[in-house]
PDB file of N, CA and C in Angstrom:
ATOM      1  N   MET A   1      -5.059  14.728  18.780  1.00  0.00           N
ATOM      2  CA  MET A   1      -4.669  15.568  17.666  1.00  0.00           C
ATOM      3  C   MET A   1      -4.747  17.033  18.069  1.00  0.00           C
ATOM      4  N   ASN A   2      -3.941  17.814  17.469  1.00  0.00           N
ATOM      5  CA  ASN A   2      -3.913  19.245  17.667  1.00  0.00           C
ATOM      6  C   ASN A   2      -5.294  19.841  17.418  1.00  0.00           C
ATOM      7  N   GLN A   3      -5.701  20.826  18.236  1.00  0.00           N
ATOM      8  CA  GLN A   3      -7.039  21.417  18.145  1.00  0.00           C
ATOM      9  C   GLN A   3      -7.340  22.015  16.775  1.00  0.00           C
ATOM     10  N   SER A   4      -6.355  22.545  16.081  1.00  0.00           N
ATOM     11  CA  SER A   4      -6.615  23.193  14.794  1.00  0.00           C
ATOM     12  C   SER A   4      -6.800  22.186  13.649  1.00  0.00           C
ATOM     13  N   VAL A   5      -6.499  20.922  13.903  1.00  0.00           N
ATOM     14  CA  VAL A   5      -6.630  19.896  12.866  1.00  0.00           C
ATOM     15  C   VAL A   5      -8.081  19.433  12.805  1.00  0.00           C
ATOM     16  N   ARG A   6      -8.698  19.650  11.638  1.00  0.00           N
ATOM     17  CA  ARG A   6     -10.070  19.181  11.422  1.00  0.00           C
ATOM     18  C   ARG A   6     -10.083  17.840  10.710  1.00  0.00           C
ATOM     19  N   GLY A   7      -8.963  17.448  10.151  1.00  0.00           N
ATOM     20  CA  GLY A   7      -8.874  16.176   9.447  1.00  0.00           C
ATOM     21  C   GLY A   7      -7.677  16.170   8.523  1.00  0.00           C
ATOM     22  N   PHE A   8      -7.605  15.106   7.727  1.00  0.00           N
ATOM     23  CA  PHE A   8      -6.517  14.941   6.771  1.00  0.00           C
ATOM     24  C   PHE A   8      -7.101  14.580   5.416  1.00  0.00           C
ATOM     25  N   VAL A   9      -6.357  14.916   4.372  1.00  0.00           N
ATOM     26  CA  VAL A   9      -6.730  14.544   3.008  1.00  0.00           C
ATOM     27  C   VAL A   9      -5.491  13.942   2.364  1.00  0.00           C
ATOM     28  N   GLY A  10      -5.637  12.696   1.931  1.00  0.00           N
ATOM     29  CA  GLY A  10      -4.573  12.043   1.190  1.00  0.00           C
ATOM     30  C   GLY A  10      -4.970  11.956  -0.269  1.00  0.00           C
ATOM     31  N   VAL A  11      -4.043  12.269  -1.148  1.00  0.00           N
ATOM     32  CA  VAL A  11      -4.319  12.243  -2.590  1.00  0.00           C
ATOM     33  C   VAL A  11      -3.384  11.242  -3.254  1.00  0.00           C
ATOM     34  N   TYR A  12      -4.007  10.250  -3.882  1.00  0.00           N
ATOM     35  CA  TYR A  12      -3.256   9.245  -4.623  1.00  0.00           C
ATOM     36  C   TYR A  12      -2.729   9.834  -5.931  1.00  0.00           C
ATOM     37  N   ARG A  13      -1.665   9.259  -6.437  1.00  0.00           N
ATOM     38  CA  ARG A  13      -1.184   9.614  -7.776  1.00  0.00           C
ATOM     39  C   ARG A  13      -1.780   8.593  -8.747  1.00  0.00           C
ATOM     40  N   ALA A  14      -3.109   8.643  -8.856  1.00  0.00           N
ATOM     41  CA  ALA A  14      -3.849   7.709  -9.709  1.00  0.00           C
ATOM     42  C   ALA A  14      -5.285   8.209  -9.821  1.00  0.00           C
ATOM     43  N   ASP A  15      -5.932   7.861 -10.911  1.00  0.00           N
ATOM     44  CA  ASP A  15      -7.353   8.156 -11.069  1.00  0.00           C
ATOM     45  C   ASP A  15      -8.164   7.058 -10.404  1.00  0.00           C
ATOM     46  N   GLY A  16      -9.365   7.429  -9.954  1.00  0.00           N
ATOM     47  CA  GLY A  16     -10.281   6.473  -9.372  1.00  0.00           C
ATOM     48  C   GLY A  16     -11.230   5.923 -10.421  1.00  0.00           C
ATOM     49  N   GLY A  17     -12.127   5.053  -9.970  1.00  0.00           N
ATOM     50  CA  GLY A  17     -13.072   4.419 -10.872  1.00  0.00           C
ATOM     51  C   GLY A  17     -12.458   3.181 -11.490  1.00  0.00           C
ATOM     52  N   PRO A  18     -13.285   2.347 -12.084  1.00  0.00           N
ATOM     53  CA  PRO A  18     -12.784   1.080 -12.630  1.00  0.00           C
ATOM     54  C   PRO A  18     -11.668   1.248 -13.662  1.00  0.00           C
ATOM     55  N   ILE A  19     -11.811   2.183 -14.578  1.00  0.00           N
ATOM     56  CA  ILE A  19     -10.784   2.379 -15.623  1.00  0.00           C
ATOM     57  C   ILE A  19      -9.495   2.914 -15.009  1.00  0.00           C
ATOM     58  N   GLY A  20      -9.610   3.926 -14.144  1.00  0.00           N
ATOM     59  CA  GLY A  20      -8.427   4.505 -13.520  1.00  0.00           C
ATOM     60  C   GLY A  20      -7.676   3.503 -12.672  1.00  0.00           C
ATOM     61  N   GLU A  21      -8.417   2.718 -11.912  1.00  0.00           N
ATOM     62  CA  GLU A  21      -7.763   1.739 -11.050  1.00  0.00           C
ATOM     63  C   GLU A  21      -7.138   0.611 -11.866  1.00  0.00           C
ATOM     64  N   LEU A  22      -7.806   0.180 -12.916  1.00  0.00           N
ATOM     65  CA  LEU A  22      -7.229  -0.838 -13.792  1.00  0.00           C
ATOM     66  C   LEU A  22      -5.955  -0.310 -14.462  1.00  0.00           C
ATOM     67  N   ARG A  23      -6.008   0.921 -14.927  1.00  0.00           N
ATOM     68  CA  ARG A  23      -4.828   1.544 -15.546  1.00  0.00           C
ATOM     69  C   ARG A  23      -3.663   1.584 -14.550  1.00  0.00           C
ATOM     70  N   TYR A  24      -3.959   1.921 -13.289  1.00  0.00           N
ATOM     71  CA  TYR A  24      -2.904   1.974 -12.277  1.00  0.00           C
ATOM     72  C   TYR A  24      -2.334   0.585 -12.010  1.00  0.00           C
ATOM     73  N   VAL A  25      -3.205  -0.414 -11.830  1.00  0.00           N
ATOM     74  CA  VAL A  25      -2.743  -1.772 -11.540  1.00  0.00           C
ATOM     75  C   VAL A  25      -1.835  -2.281 -12.654  1.00  0.00           C
ATOM     76  N   ILE A  26      -2.253  -2.099 -13.898  1.00  0.00           N
ATOM     77  CA  ILE A  26      -1.430  -2.541 -15.027  1.00  0.00           C
ATOM     78  C   ILE A  26      -0.120  -1.765 -15.060  1.00  0.00           C
ATOM     79  N   GLY A  27      -0.200  -0.451 -14.893  1.00  0.00           N
ATOM     80  CA  GLY A  27       1.014   0.369 -14.865  1.00  0.00           C
ATOM     81  C   GLY A  27       1.940  -0.016 -13.726  1.00  0.00           C
ATOM     82  N   HIS A  28       1.367  -0.340 -12.577  1.00  0.00           N
ATOM     83  CA  HIS A  28       2.177  -0.741 -11.430  1.00  0.00           C
ATOM     84  C   HIS A  28       2.904  -2.055 -11.730  1.00  0.00           C
ATOM     85  N   MET A  29       2.187  -3.012 -12.339  1.00  0.00           N
ATOM     86  CA  MET A  29       2.807  -4.297 -12.692  1.00  0.00           C
ATOM     87  C   MET A  29       3.899  -4.125 -13.739  1.00  0.00           C
ATOM     88  N   LEU A  30       3.722  -3.166 -14.647  1.00  0.00           N
ATOM     89  CA  LEU A  30       4.711  -2.917 -15.693  1.00  0.00           C
ATOM     90  C   LEU A  30       5.839  -1.992 -15.240  1.00  0.00           C
ATOM     91  N   GLY A  31       5.688  -1.421 -14.058  1.00  0.00           N
ATOM     92  CA  GLY A  31       6.698  -0.508 -13.544  1.00  0.00           C
ATOM     93  C   GLY A  31       6.594   0.904 -14.091  1.00  0.00           C
ATOM     94  N   THR A  32       5.453   1.248 -14.669  1.00  0.00           N
ATOM     95  CA  THR A  32       5.283   2.597 -15.226  1.00  0.00           C
ATOM     96  C   THR A  32       4.399   3.485 -14.352  1.00  0.00           C
ATOM     97  N   ALA A  33       3.817   2.936 -13.284  1.00  0.00           N
ATOM     98  CA  ALA A  33       2.972   3.720 -12.373  1.00  0.00           C
ATOM     99  C   ALA A  33       3.361   3.370 -10.942  1.00  0.00           C
ATOM    100  N   GLN A  34       3.481   4.391 -10.103  1.00  0.00           N
ATOM    101  CA  GLN A  34       3.836   4.172  -8.711  1.00  0.00           C
ATOM    102  C   GLN A  34       3.160   5.235  -7.865  1.00  0.00           C
ATOM    103  N   CYS A  35       2.589   4.826  -6.738  1.00  0.00           N
ATOM    104  CA  CYS A  35       1.970   5.743  -5.790  1.00  0.00           C
ATOM    105  C   CYS A  35       2.241   5.224  -4.391  1.00  0.00           C
ATOM    106  N   SER A  36       3.089   5.904  -3.653  1.00  0.00           N
ATOM    107  CA  SER A  36       3.459   5.431  -2.317  1.00  0.00           C
ATOM    108  C   SER A  36       2.283   5.500  -1.343  1.00  0.00           C
ATOM    109  N   LEU A  37       1.326   6.410  -1.546  1.00  0.00           N
ATOM    110  CA  LEU A  37       0.147   6.434  -0.689  1.00  0.00           C
ATOM    111  C   LEU A  37      -0.712   5.198  -0.941  1.00  0.00           C
ATOM    112  N   CYS A  38      -0.805   4.769  -2.189  1.00  0.00           N
ATOM    113  CA  CYS A  38      -1.508   3.516  -2.514  1.00  0.00           C
ATOM    114  C   CYS A  38      -0.870   2.353  -1.763  1.00  0.00           C
ATOM    115  N   ASP A  39       0.465   2.315  -1.725  1.00  0.00           N
ATOM    116  CA  ASP A  39       1.183   1.235  -1.047  1.00  0.00           C
ATOM    117  C   ASP A  39       0.926   1.240   0.454  1.00  0.00           C
ATOM    118  N   ILE A  40       0.695   2.411   1.023  1.00  0.00           N
ATOM    119  CA  ILE A  40       0.430   2.522   2.455  1.00  0.00           C
ATOM    120  C   ILE A  40      -0.990   2.061   2.784  1.00  0.00           C
ATOM    121  N   THR A  41      -1.952   2.433   1.966  1.00  0.00           N
ATOM    122  CA  THR A  41      -3.357   2.172   2.293  1.00  0.00           C
ATOM    123  C   THR A  41      -3.883   0.838   1.789  1.00  0.00           C
ATOM    124  N   HIS A  42      -3.246   0.263   0.752  1.00  0.00           N
ATOM    125  CA  HIS A  42      -3.808  -0.925   0.103  1.00  0.00           C
ATOM    126  C   HIS A  42      -2.761  -1.996  -0.190  1.00  0.00           C
ATOM    127  N   THR A  43      -3.239  -3.232  -0.238  1.00  0.00           N
ATOM    128  CA  THR A  43      -2.561  -4.320  -0.932  1.00  0.00           C
ATOM    129  C   THR A  43      -3.468  -4.555  -2.138  1.00  0.00           C
ATOM    130  N   TRP A  44      -4.143  -5.677  -2.210  1.00  0.00           N
ATOM    131  CA  TRP A  44      -5.165  -5.871  -3.245  1.00  0.00           C
ATOM    132  C   TRP A  44      -6.506  -5.326  -2.767  1.00  0.00           C
ATOM    133  N   ARG A  45      -6.580  -4.948  -1.474  1.00  0.00           N
ATOM    134  CA  ARG A  45      -7.742  -4.281  -0.872  1.00  0.00           C
ATOM    135  C   ARG A  45      -7.212  -3.346   0.203  1.00  0.00           C
ATOM    136  N   ARG A  46      -8.112  -2.539   0.779  1.00  0.00           N
ATOM    137  CA  ARG A  46      -7.642  -1.617   1.812  1.00  0.00           C
ATOM    138  C   ARG A  46      -7.161  -2.411   3.024  1.00  0.00           C
ATOM    139  N   LYS A  47      -6.029  -1.988   3.568  1.00  0.00           N
ATOM    140  CA  LYS A  47      -5.418  -2.669   4.707  1.00  0.00           C
ATOM    141  C   LYS A  47      -6.248  -2.430   5.975  1.00  0.00           C
ATOM    142  N   PRO A  48      -6.568  -3.483   6.716  1.00  0.00           N
ATOM    143  CA  PRO A  48      -7.291  -3.312   7.984  1.00  0.00           C
ATOM    144  C   PRO A  48      -6.523  -2.424   8.962  1.00  0.00           C
ATOM    145  N   GLU A  49      -5.192  -2.505   8.938  1.00  0.00           N
ATOM    146  CA  GLU A  49      -4.404  -1.664   9.844  1.00  0.00           C
ATOM    147  C   GLU A  49      -4.529  -0.184   9.488  1.00  0.00           C
ATOM    148  N   TRP A  50      -4.815   0.122   8.227  1.00  0.00           N
ATOM    149  CA  TRP A  50      -5.077   1.509   7.831  1.00  0.00           C
ATOM    150  C   TRP A  50      -6.340   2.010   8.531  1.00  0.00           C
ATOM    151  N   ASP A  51      -7.417   1.237   8.451  1.00  0.00           N
ATOM    152  CA  ASP A  51      -8.675   1.641   9.085  1.00  0.00           C
ATOM    153  C   ASP A  51      -8.506   1.802  10.590  1.00  0.00           C
ATOM    154  N   ALA A  52      -7.749   0.914  11.223  1.00  0.00           N
ATOM    155  CA  ALA A  52      -7.503   1.018  12.663  1.00  0.00           C
ATOM    156  C   ALA A  52      -6.708   2.282  12.989  1.00  0.00           C
ATOM    157  N   MET A  53      -5.723   2.603  12.157  1.00  0.00           N
ATOM    158  CA  MET A  53      -4.921   3.809  12.377  1.00  0.00           C
ATOM    159  C   MET A  53      -5.783   5.061  12.252  1.00  0.00           C
ATOM    160  N   VAL A  54      -6.641   5.108  11.246  1.00  0.00           N
ATOM    161  CA  VAL A  54      -7.521   6.268  11.061  1.00  0.00           C
ATOM    162  C   VAL A  54      -8.416   6.435  12.289  1.00  0.00           C
ATOM    163  N   ALA A  55      -8.931   5.333  12.812  1.00  0.00           N
ATOM    164  CA  ALA A  55      -9.775   5.406  14.018  1.00  0.00           C
ATOM    165  C   ALA A  55      -8.981   5.970  15.199  1.00  0.00           C
ATOM    166  N   ARG A  56      -7.711   5.592  15.333  1.00  0.00           N
ATOM    167  CA  ARG A  56      -6.884   6.112  16.429  1.00  0.00           C
ATOM    168  C   ARG A  56      -6.624   7.606  16.282  1.00  0.00           C
ATOM    169  N   LEU A  57      -6.533   8.090  15.052  1.00  0.00           N
ATOM    170  CA  LEU A  57      -6.277   9.527  14.857  1.00  0.00           C
ATOM    171  C   LEU A  57      -7.423  10.376  15.401  1.00  0.00           C
ATOM    172  N   GLY A  58      -8.640   9.863  15.306  1.00  0.00           N
ATOM    173  CA  GLY A  58      -9.773  10.559  15.899  1.00  0.00           C
ATOM    174  C   GLY A  58     -10.302  11.742  15.113  1.00  0.00           C
ATOM    175  N   VAL A  59      -9.848  11.912  13.885  1.00  0.00           N
ATOM    176  CA  VAL A  59     -10.372  12.961  13.000  1.00  0.00           C
ATOM    177  C   VAL A  59     -10.576  12.339  11.616  1.00  0.00           C
ATOM    178  N   PRO A  60     -11.429  12.930  10.802  1.00  0.00           N
ATOM    179  CA  PRO A  60     -11.660  12.353   9.472  1.00  0.00           C
ATOM    180  C   PRO A  60     -10.387  12.307   8.634  1.00  0.00           C
ATOM    181  N   PHE A  61     -10.284  11.261   7.829  1.00  0.00           N
ATOM    182  CA  PHE A  61      -9.175  11.121   6.895  1.00  0.00           C
ATOM    183  C   PHE A  61      -9.767  10.783   5.531  1.00  0.00           C
ATOM    184  N   GLU A  62      -9.779  11.775   4.649  1.00  0.00           N
ATOM    185  CA  GLU A  62     -10.313  11.596   3.302  1.00  0.00           C
ATOM    186  C   GLU A  62      -9.207  11.078   2.389  1.00  0.00           C
ATOM    187  N   LEU A  63      -9.580  10.178   1.489  1.00  0.00           N
ATOM    188  CA  LEU A  63      -8.661   9.719   0.453  1.00  0.00           C
ATOM    189  C   LEU A  63      -9.270  10.077  -0.895  1.00  0.00           C
ATOM    190  N   ARG A  64      -8.483  10.721  -1.751  1.00  0.00           N
ATOM    191  CA  ARG A  64      -8.969  11.174  -3.043  1.00  0.00           C
ATOM    192  C   ARG A  64      -8.051  10.702  -4.154  1.00  0.00           C
ATOM    193  N   HIS A  65      -8.651  10.408  -5.298  1.00  0.00           N
ATOM    194  CA  HIS A  65      -7.901  10.148  -6.522  1.00  0.00           C
ATOM    195  C   HIS A  65      -7.790  11.461  -7.297  1.00  0.00           C
ATOM    196  N   LEU A  66      -6.898  11.505  -8.269  1.00  0.00           N
ATOM    197  CA  LEU A  66      -6.688  12.734  -9.034  1.00  0.00           C
ATOM    198  C   LEU A  66      -7.952  13.230  -9.734  1.00  0.00           C
ATOM    199  N   ASN A  67      -8.830  12.328 -10.127  1.00  0.00           N
ATOM    200  CA  ASN A  67     -10.054  12.736 -10.817  1.00  0.00           C
ATOM    201  C   ASN A  67     -11.234  12.894  -9.856  1.00  0.00           C
ATOM    202  N   GLU A  68     -10.963  12.969  -8.551  1.00  0.00           N
ATOM    203  CA  GLU A  68     -12.026  13.078  -7.552  1.00  0.00           C
ATOM    204  C   GLU A  68     -11.793  14.216  -6.560  1.00  0.00           C
ATOM    205  N   MET A  69     -11.035  15.215  -6.939  1.00  0.00           N
ATOM    206  CA  MET A  69     -10.654  16.276  -6.006  1.00  0.00           C
ATOM    207  C   MET A  69     -11.611  17.455  -6.062  1.00  0.00           C
ATOM    208  N   ASP A  70     -11.880  18.028  -4.882  1.00  0.00           N
ATOM    209  CA  ASP A  70     -12.568  19.306  -4.796  1.00  0.00           C
ATOM    210  C   ASP A  70     -11.571  20.408  -5.164  1.00  0.00           C
ATOM    211  N   ALA A  71     -12.081  21.613  -5.358  1.00  0.00           N
ATOM    212  CA  ALA A  71     -11.232  22.726  -5.809  1.00  0.00           C
ATOM    213  C   ALA A  71     -10.081  23.010  -4.848  1.00  0.00           C
ATOM    214  N   ASP A  72     -10.325  22.985  -3.537  1.00  0.00           N
ATOM    215  CA  ASP A  72      -9.251  23.297  -2.592  1.00  0.00           C
ATOM    216  C   ASP A  72      -8.156  22.233  -2.620  1.00  0.00           C
ATOM    217  N   VAL A  73      -8.559  20.977  -2.757  1.00  0.00           N
ATOM    218  CA  VAL A  73      -7.581  19.889  -2.826  1.00  0.00           C
ATOM    219  C   VAL A  73      -6.814  19.973  -4.146  1.00  0.00           C
ATOM    220  N   ALA A  74      -7.510  20.232  -5.234  1.00  0.00           N
ATOM    221  CA  ALA A  74      -6.853  20.358  -6.538  1.00  0.00           C
ATOM    222  C   ALA A  74      -5.814  21.479  -6.526  1.00  0.00           C
ATOM    223  N   ALA A  75      -6.129  22.581  -5.872  1.00  0.00           N
ATOM    224  CA  ALA A  75      -5.177  23.694  -5.790  1.00  0.00           C
ATOM    225  C   ALA A  75      -3.945  23.296  -4.983  1.00  0.00           C
ATOM    226  N   ALA A  76      -4.147  22.555  -3.891  1.00  0.00           N
ATOM    227  CA  ALA A  76      -3.010  22.112  -3.078  1.00  0.00           C
ATOM    228  C   ALA A  76      -2.141  21.124  -3.854  1.00  0.00           C
ATOM    229  N   VAL A  77      -2.776  20.226  -4.604  1.00  0.00           N
ATOM    230  CA  VAL A  77      -2.025  19.264  -5.415  1.00  0.00           C
ATOM    231  C   VAL A  77      -1.284  19.977  -6.545  1.00  0.00           C
ATOM    232  N   ALA A  78      -1.901  20.982  -7.137  1.00  0.00           N
ATOM    233  CA  ALA A  78      -1.224  21.755  -8.190  1.00  0.00           C
ATOM    234  C   ALA A  78       0.055  22.390  -7.651  1.00  0.00           C
ATOM    235  N   GLU A  79       0.029  22.780  -6.384  1.00  0.00           N
ATOM    236  CA  GLU A  79       1.198  23.417  -5.780  1.00  0.00           C
ATOM    237  C   GLU A  79       2.243  22.401  -5.310  1.00  0.00           C
ATOM    238  N   HIS A  80       1.793  21.280  -4.745  1.00  0.00           N
ATOM    239  CA  HIS A  80       2.715  20.357  -4.084  1.00  0.00           C
ATOM    240  C   HIS A  80       2.883  19.010  -4.768  1.00  0.00           C
ATOM    241  N   GLY A  81       2.008  18.661  -5.711  1.00  0.00           N
ATOM    242  CA  GLY A  81       2.102  17.380  -6.392  1.00  0.00           C
ATOM    243  C   GLY A  81       1.394  16.267  -5.644  1.00  0.00           C
ATOM    244  N   ALA A  82       1.389  15.100  -6.256  1.00  0.00           N
ATOM    245  CA  ALA A  82       0.771  13.917  -5.671  1.00  0.00           C
ATOM    246  C   ALA A  82       1.693  12.733  -5.904  1.00  0.00           C
ATOM    247  N   PRO A  83       1.708  11.776  -5.031  1.00  0.00           N
ATOM    248  CA  PRO A  83       0.844  11.673  -3.871  1.00  0.00           C
ATOM    249  C   PRO A  83       1.274  12.659  -2.787  1.00  0.00           C
ATOM    250  N   ALA A  84       0.322  12.973  -1.933  1.00  0.00           N
ATOM    251  CA  ALA A  84       0.583  13.886  -0.826  1.00  0.00           C
ATOM    252  C   ALA A  84      -0.510  13.710   0.213  1.00  0.00           C
ATOM    253  N   VAL A  85      -0.192  14.143   1.428  1.00  0.00           N
ATOM    254  CA  VAL A  85      -1.173  14.183   2.506  1.00  0.00           C
ATOM    255  C   VAL A  85      -1.183  15.598   3.042  1.00  0.00           C
ATOM    256  N   PHE A  86      -2.388  16.124   3.211  1.00  0.00           N
ATOM    257  CA  PHE A  86      -2.590  17.479   3.699  1.00  0.00           C
ATOM    258  C   PHE A  86      -3.358  17.446   5.011  1.00  0.00           C
ATOM    259  N   THR A  87      -3.079  18.414   5.868  1.00  0.00           N
ATOM    260  CA  THR A  87      -3.858  18.622   7.078  1.00  0.00           C
ATOM    261  C   THR A  87      -4.950  19.630   6.739  1.00  0.00           C
ATOM    262  N   ARG A  88      -6.185  19.297   7.105  1.00  0.00           N
ATOM    263  CA  ARG A  88      -7.299  20.229   6.901  1.00  0.00           C
ATOM    264  C   ARG A  88      -7.463  21.015   8.202  1.00  0.00           C
ATOM    265  N   THR A  89      -7.244  22.324   8.118  1.00  0.00           N
ATOM    266  CA  THR A  89      -7.362  23.202   9.281  1.00  0.00           C
ATOM    267  C   THR A  89      -8.410  24.265   8.990  1.00  0.00           C
ATOM    268  N   ASP A  90      -8.729  25.061   9.992  1.00  0.00           N
ATOM    269  CA  ASP A  90      -9.662  26.171   9.786  1.00  0.00           C
ATOM    270  C   ASP A  90      -9.121  27.162   8.763  1.00  0.00           C
ATOM    271  N   ALA A  91      -7.798  27.218   8.634  1.00  0.00           N
ATOM    272  CA  ALA A  91      -7.165  28.145   7.692  1.00  0.00           C
ATOM    273  C   ALA A  91      -7.026  27.560   6.294  1.00  0.00           C
ATOM    274  N   GLY A  92      -7.371  26.280   6.088  1.00  0.00           N
ATOM    275  CA  GLY A  92      -7.249  25.642   4.784  1.00  0.00           C
ATOM    276  C   GLY A  92      -6.347  24.424   4.851  1.00  0.00           C
ATOM    277  N   LEU A  93      -5.908  23.967   3.691  1.00  0.00           N
ATOM    278  CA  LEU A  93      -5.059  22.780   3.597  1.00  0.00           C
ATOM    279  C   LEU A  93      -3.587  23.145   3.761  1.00  0.00           C
ATOM    280  N   VAL A  94      -2.888  22.337   4.542  1.00  0.00           N
ATOM    281  CA  VAL A  94      -1.461  22.531   4.786  1.00  0.00           C
ATOM    282  C   VAL A  94      -0.771  21.204   4.460  1.00  0.00           C
ATOM    283  N   LEU A  95       0.297  21.262   3.669  1.00  0.00           N
ATOM    284  CA  LEU A  95       1.030  20.050   3.327  1.00  0.00           C
ATOM    285  C   LEU A  95       1.577  19.395   4.590  1.00  0.00           C
ATOM    286  N   LEU A  96       1.308  18.109   4.747  1.00  0.00           N
ATOM    287  CA  LEU A  96       1.822  17.328   5.867  1.00  0.00           C
ATOM    288  C   LEU A  96       2.965  16.425   5.410  1.00  0.00           C
ATOM    289  N   LEU A  97       2.706  15.617   4.358  1.00  0.00           N
ATOM    290  CA  LEU A  97       3.721  14.700   3.835  1.00  0.00           C
ATOM    291  C   LEU A  97       3.721  14.767   2.316  1.00  0.00           C
ATOM    292  N   ASP A  98       4.881  15.016   1.732  1.00  0.00           N
ATOM    293  CA  ASP A  98       4.973  15.068   0.269  1.00  0.00           C
ATOM    294  C   ASP A  98       5.354  13.690  -0.273  1.00  0.00           C
ATOM    295  N   ALA A  99       5.532  13.597  -1.566  1.00  0.00           N
ATOM    296  CA  ALA A  99       5.808  12.311  -2.216  1.00  0.00           C
ATOM    297  C   ALA A  99       7.073  11.655  -1.663  1.00  0.00           C
ATOM    298  N   ALA A 100       8.128  12.414  -1.455  1.00  0.00           N
ATOM    299  CA  ALA A 100       9.383  11.843  -0.942  1.00  0.00           C
ATOM    300  C   ALA A 100       9.192  11.311   0.472  1.00  0.00           C
ATOM    301  N   GLU A 101       8.455  12.032   1.300  1.00  0.00           N
ATOM    302  CA  GLU A 101       8.215  11.580   2.670  1.00  0.00           C
ATOM    303  C   GLU A 101       7.320  10.331   2.687  1.00  0.00           C
ATOM    304  N   LEU A 102       6.350  10.268   1.783  1.00  0.00           N
ATOM    305  CA  LEU A 102       5.516   9.072   1.675  1.00  0.00           C
ATOM    306  C   LEU A 102       6.344   7.897   1.162  1.00  0.00           C
ATOM    307  N   ASP A 103       7.248   8.127   0.221  1.00  0.00           N
ATOM    308  CA  ASP A 103       8.144   7.075  -0.259  1.00  0.00           C
ATOM    309  C   ASP A 103       8.970   6.512   0.903  1.00  0.00           C
ATOM    310  N   ALA A 104       9.439   7.383   1.790  1.00  0.00           N
ATOM    311  CA  ALA A 104      10.289   6.973   2.903  1.00  0.00           C
ATOM    312  C   ALA A 104       9.556   6.056   3.881  1.00  0.00           C
ATOM    313  N   VAL A 105       8.231   6.113   3.904  1.00  0.00           N
ATOM    314  CA  VAL A 105       7.435   5.264   4.792  1.00  0.00           C
ATOM    315  C   VAL A 105       7.480   3.805   4.324  1.00  0.00           C
ATOM    316  N   GLY A 106       7.737   3.583   3.060  1.00  0.00           N
ATOM    317  CA  GLY A 106       7.912   2.234   2.537  1.00  0.00           C
ATOM    318  C   GLY A 106       6.677   1.355   2.612  1.00  0.00           C
ATOM    319  N   GLY A 107       5.497   1.942   2.515  1.00  0.00           N
ATOM    320  CA  GLY A 107       4.269   1.161   2.527  1.00  0.00           C
ATOM    321  C   GLY A 107       3.773   0.770   3.905  1.00  0.00           C
ATOM    322  N   SER A 108       4.467   1.163   4.953  1.00  0.00           N
ATOM    323  CA  SER A 108       4.125   0.779   6.317  1.00  0.00           C
ATOM    324  C   SER A 108       3.099   1.727   6.943  1.00  0.00           C
ATOM    325  N   VAL A 109       1.978   1.167   7.373  1.00  0.00           N
ATOM    326  CA  VAL A 109       0.965   1.972   8.064  1.00  0.00           C
ATOM    327  C   VAL A 109       1.527   2.484   9.393  1.00  0.00           C
ATOM    328  N   ALA A 110       2.254   1.640  10.113  1.00  0.00           N
ATOM    329  CA  ALA A 110       2.829   2.045  11.402  1.00  0.00           C
ATOM    330  C   ALA A 110       3.806   3.208  11.230  1.00  0.00           C
ATOM    331  N   ASP A 111       4.664   3.144  10.215  1.00  0.00           N
ATOM    332  CA  ASP A 111       5.609   4.236   9.979  1.00  0.00           C
ATOM    333  C   ASP A 111       4.879   5.494   9.518  1.00  0.00           C
ATOM    334  N   PHE A 112       3.808   5.324   8.745  1.00  0.00           N
ATOM    335  CA  PHE A 112       2.994   6.466   8.341  1.00  0.00           C
ATOM    336  C   PHE A 112       2.390   7.134   9.577  1.00  0.00           C
ATOM    337  N   GLU A 113       1.832   6.345  10.475  1.00  0.00           N
ATOM    338  CA  GLU A 113       1.235   6.915  11.694  1.00  0.00           C
ATOM    339  C   GLU A 113       2.279   7.665  12.506  1.00  0.00           C
ATOM    340  N   ARG A 114       3.487   7.096  12.625  1.00  0.00           N
ATOM    341  CA  ARG A 114       4.556   7.796  13.354  1.00  0.00           C
ATOM    342  C   ARG A 114       4.879   9.136  12.698  1.00  0.00           C
ATOM    343  N   ALA A 115       4.917   9.156  11.358  1.00  0.00           N
ATOM    344  CA  ALA A 115       5.204  10.409  10.646  1.00  0.00           C
ATOM    345  C   ALA A 115       4.122  11.444  10.898  1.00  0.00           C
ATOM    346  N   VAL A 116       2.872  11.011  10.892  1.00  0.00           N
ATOM    347  CA  VAL A 116       1.758  11.951  11.158  1.00  0.00           C
ATOM    348  C   VAL A 116       1.845  12.459  12.594  1.00  0.00           C
ATOM    349  N   ARG A 117       2.040  11.564  13.537  1.00  0.00           N
ATOM    350  CA  ARG A 117       2.069  11.954  14.953  1.00  0.00           C
ATOM    351  C   ARG A 117       3.297  12.789  15.291  1.00  0.00           C
ATOM    352  N   ALA A 118       4.371  12.658  14.546  1.00  0.00           N
ATOM    353  CA  ALA A 118       5.554  13.498  14.769  1.00  0.00           C
ATOM    354  C   ALA A 118       5.216  14.961  14.501  1.00  0.00           C
ATOM    355  N   THR A 119       4.301  15.187  13.588  1.00  0.00           N
ATOM    356  CA  THR A 119       3.892  16.550  13.261  1.00  0.00           C
ATOM    357  C   THR A 119       2.668  16.980  14.064  1.00  0.00           C
ATOM    358  N   HIS A 120       1.779  16.025  14.328  1.00  0.00           N
ATOM    359  CA  HIS A 120       0.527  16.310  15.046  1.00  0.00           C
ATOM    360  C   HIS A 120       0.349  15.331  16.189  1.00  0.00           C
ATOM    361  N   PRO A 121       1.024  15.565  17.326  1.00  0.00           N
ATOM    362  CA  PRO A 121       0.913  14.631  18.449  1.00  0.00           C
ATOM    363  C   PRO A 121      -0.517  14.544  18.960  1.00  0.00           C
ATOM    364  N   ALA A 122      -0.856  13.379  19.488  1.00  0.00           N
ATOM    365  CA  ALA A 122      -2.209  13.158  20.038  1.00  0.00           C
ATOM    366  C   ALA A 122      -2.404  13.981  21.298  1.00  0.00           C
TER     367      ALA A 122
END
């Protein structure tokens, strides 16, 4: 990874916790809730290939729900929307992948990794 990259932060378009996750699951089944980052990281549980990909990146990868954001992440989401993935650098958060780019990955961890590495080669 590029020297200036201290890690990544992915923000789901969903609240965390039992109520938030239940609300998302029901909304997803009804077609009223969609989060492409959720599709990349999870099926009914977190994908093992996601964990393997994060290990290959070699830097921390935080995942946050809308109700679990720190002030800097909340400010970035206010500007760019969610779902989104940001690069954490010494200068702050920089948008890496927006909702449309995450949609284009189609739930694939491998395609997500290629998208990240296209911007931040190992």
